[in-house]
């Protein structure tokens, strides 16, 4: 259900961005350090959105990798604890009676 909601929100934002870009289809002059070029505004908007997505993914990668490592470490701890519990359950009970 979360994925469907995320997909709907993504599509709405994408369509709003596309309609904004198409309604402002004029030439824009981009000045770089060594040269200048003229590009249509929708391409500038699309390019900056792509760069933003790539930078966002790269900034999240360290957190994702850290959380995956922590999850695997916790899973190992759970296996050890489950083994310990199974061993404790297998011990015979000693009554003083």
C-alpha atoms as a PDB file:
ATOM      1  CA  UNK A   1       0.000   0.000   0.000  1.00  0.00           C
ATOM      2  CA  UNK A   2       2.889   2.340   0.807  1.00  0.00           C
ATOM      3  CA  UNK A   3       4.412   1.773  -2.607  1.00  0.00           C
ATOM      4  CA  UNK A   4       1.163   2.611  -4.365  1.00  0.00           C
ATOM      5  CA  UNK A   5       0.809   5.863  -2.418  1.00  0.00           C
ATOM      6  CA  UNK A   6       4.464   6.710  -3.107  1.00  0.00           C
ATOM      7  CA  UNK A   7       3.986   5.970  -6.802  1.00  0.00           C
ATOM      8  CA  UNK A   8       0.879   8.178  -6.979  1.00  0.00           C
ATOM      9  CA  UNK A   9       2.658  11.060  -5.220  1.00  0.00           C
ATOM     10  CA  UNK A  10       5.662  10.643  -7.531  1.00  0.00           C
ATOM     11  CA  UNK A  11       3.469  10.706 -10.624  1.00  0.00           C
ATOM     12  CA  UNK A  12       1.590  13.809  -9.436  1.00  0.00           C
ATOM     13  CA  UNK A  13       4.838  15.683  -8.734  1.00  0.00           C
ATOM     14  CA  UNK A  14       6.288  14.544 -12.065  1.00  0.00           C
ATOM     15  CA  UNK A  15       3.199  15.659 -13.989  1.00  0.00           C
ATOM     16  CA  UNK A  16       3.152  19.030 -12.217  1.00  0.00           C
ATOM     17  CA  UNK A  17       6.829  19.537 -13.056  1.00  0.00           C
ATOM     18  CA  UNK A  18       6.304  18.490 -16.665  1.00  0.00           C
ATOM     19  CA  UNK A  19       3.308  20.807 -17.103  1.00  0.00           C
ATOM     20  CA  UNK A  20       5.272  23.685 -15.551  1.00  0.00           C
ATOM     21  CA  UNK A  21       8.198  23.032 -17.852  1.00  0.00           C
ATOM     22  CA  UNK A  22       6.061  22.812 -20.968  1.00  0.00           C
ATOM     23  CA  UNK A  23       4.133  25.968 -20.156  1.00  0.00           C
ATOM     24  CA  UNK A  24       7.437  27.880 -19.885  1.00  0.00           C
ATOM     25  CA  UNK A  25       9.111  26.724 -23.109  1.00  0.00           C
ATOM     26  CA  UNK A  26      11.454  29.640 -23.723  1.00  0.00           C
ATOM     27  CA  UNK A  27      15.175  29.800 -24.349  1.00  0.00           C
ATOM     28  CA  UNK A  28      17.541  30.205 -21.402  1.00  0.00           C
ATOM     29  CA  UNK A  29      21.187  31.147 -21.635  1.00  0.00           C
ATOM     30  CA  UNK A  30      23.454  29.013 -19.443  1.00  0.00           C
ATOM     31  CA  UNK A  31      26.873  30.432 -18.602  1.00  0.00           C
ATOM     32  CA  UNK A  32      29.561  27.961 -17.599  1.00  0.00           C
ATOM     33  CA  UNK A  33      33.096  28.804 -16.637  1.00  0.00           C
ATOM     34  CA  UNK A  34      34.498  28.464 -20.136  1.00  0.00           C
ATOM     35  CA  UNK A  35      31.534  28.749 -22.476  1.00  0.00           C
ATOM     36  CA  UNK A  36      27.920  29.801 -22.822  1.00  0.00           C
ATOM     37  CA  UNK A  37      24.999  27.986 -24.430  1.00  0.00           C
ATOM     38  CA  UNK A  38      21.323  28.522 -25.075  1.00  0.00           C
ATOM     39  CA  UNK A  39      18.926  25.756 -24.016  1.00  0.00           C
ATOM     40  CA  UNK A  40      15.159  25.411 -23.727  1.00  0.00           C
ATOM     41  CA  UNK A  41      13.870  25.895 -20.177  1.00  0.00           C
ATOM     42  CA  UNK A  42      12.180  22.459 -19.945  1.00  0.00           C
ATOM     43  CA  UNK A  43      15.554  20.804 -20.531  1.00  0.00           C
ATOM     44  CA  UNK A  44      17.144  22.897 -17.793  1.00  0.00           C
ATOM     45  CA  UNK A  45      14.354  21.972 -15.370  1.00  0.00           C
ATOM     46  CA  UNK A  46      14.546  18.291 -16.326  1.00  0.00           C
ATOM     47  CA  UNK A  47      18.324  18.254 -15.978  1.00  0.00           C
ATOM     48  CA  UNK A  48      18.267  19.920 -12.584  1.00  0.00           C
ATOM     49  CA  UNK A  49      15.585  17.464 -11.396  1.00  0.00           C
ATOM     50  CA  UNK A  50      17.751  14.540 -12.534  1.00  0.00           C
ATOM     51  CA  UNK A  51      20.816  15.956 -10.800  1.00  0.00           C
ATOM     52  CA  UNK A  52      18.755  16.434  -7.633  1.00  0.00           C
ATOM     53  CA  UNK A  53      17.512  12.854  -7.728  1.00  0.00           C
ATOM     54  CA  UNK A  54      21.023  11.487  -8.222  1.00  0.00           C
ATOM     55  CA  UNK A  55      22.426  13.621  -5.389  1.00  0.00           C
ATOM     56  CA  UNK A  56      19.552  12.539  -3.132  1.00  0.00           C
ATOM     57  CA  UNK A  57      20.207   8.872  -3.850  1.00  0.00           C
ATOM     58  CA  UNK A  58      23.928   9.265  -3.182  1.00  0.00           C
ATOM     59  CA  UNK A  59      23.273  11.092   0.090  1.00  0.00           C
ATOM     60  CA  UNK A  60      20.953   8.303   1.247  1.00  0.00           C
ATOM     61  CA  UNK A  61      23.324   5.474   0.325  1.00  0.00           C
ATOM     62  CA  UNK A  62      25.508   5.812   3.429  1.00  0.00           C
ATOM     63  CA  UNK A  63      22.459   5.620   5.687  1.00  0.00           C
ATOM     64  CA  UNK A  64      21.065   2.609   3.815  1.00  0.00           C
ATOM     65  CA  UNK A  65      24.385   0.761   3.966  1.00  0.00           C
ATOM     66  CA  UNK A  66      24.748   1.520   7.684  1.00  0.00           C
ATOM     67  CA  UNK A  67      21.217   0.302   8.426  1.00  0.00           C
ATOM     68  CA  UNK A  68      21.725  -2.904   6.415  1.00  0.00           C
ATOM     69  CA  UNK A  69      24.937  -3.603   8.318  1.00  0.00           C
ATOM     70  CA  UNK A  70      23.178  -2.981  11.632  1.00  0.00           C
ATOM     71  CA  UNK A  71      20.295  -5.255  10.600  1.00  0.00           C
ATOM     72  CA  UNK A  72      22.623  -8.103   9.722  1.00  0.00           C
ATOM     73  CA  UNK A  73      24.435  -7.678  13.051  1.00  0.00           C
ATOM     74  CA  UNK A  74      21.125  -7.738  14.934  1.00  0.00           C
ATOM     75  CA  UNK A  75      20.008 -10.844  13.022  1.00  0.00           C
ATOM     76  CA  UNK A  76      23.199 -12.607  14.108  1.00  0.00           C
ATOM     77  CA  UNK A  77      22.514 -11.588  17.722  1.00  0.00           C
ATOM     78  CA  UNK A  78      18.968 -12.936  17.457  1.00  0.00           C
ATOM     79  CA  UNK A  79      20.251 -16.283  16.164  1.00  0.00           C
ATOM     80  CA  UNK A  80      22.694 -16.554  19.065  1.00  0.00           C
ATOM     81  CA  UNK A  81      19.979 -15.678  21.588  1.00  0.00           C
ATOM     82  CA  UNK A  82      17.530 -18.161  20.029  1.00  0.00           C
ATOM     83  CA  UNK A  83      20.178 -20.879  20.221  1.00  0.00           C
ATOM     84  CA  UNK A  84      20.808 -20.011  23.862  1.00  0.00           C
ATOM     85  CA  UNK A  85      17.084 -20.172  24.656  1.00  0.00           C
ATOM     86  CA  UNK A  86      16.797 -23.547  22.900  1.00  0.00           C
ATOM     87  CA  UNK A  87      19.715 -24.860  24.965  1.00  0.00           C
ATOM     88  CA  UNK A  88      18.139 -23.586  28.182  1.00  0.00           C
ATOM     89  CA  UNK A  89      14.825 -25.255  27.326  1.00  0.00           C
ATOM     90  CA  UNK A  90      16.607 -28.539  26.696  1.00  0.00           C
ATOM     91  CA  UNK A  91      18.150 -28.627  30.183  1.00  0.00           C
ATOM     92  CA  UNK A  92      16.465 -31.090  32.526  1.00  0.00           C
ATOM     93  CA  UNK A  93      14.748 -29.655  35.582  1.00  0.00           C
ATOM     94  CA  UNK A  94      16.251 -30.589  38.936  1.00  0.00           C
ATOM     95  CA  UNK A  95      13.807 -30.838  41.821  1.00  0.00           C
ATOM     96  CA  UNK A  96      14.935 -30.888  45.448  1.00  0.00           C
ATOM     97  CA  UNK A  97      12.044 -33.216  46.379  1.00  0.00           C
END
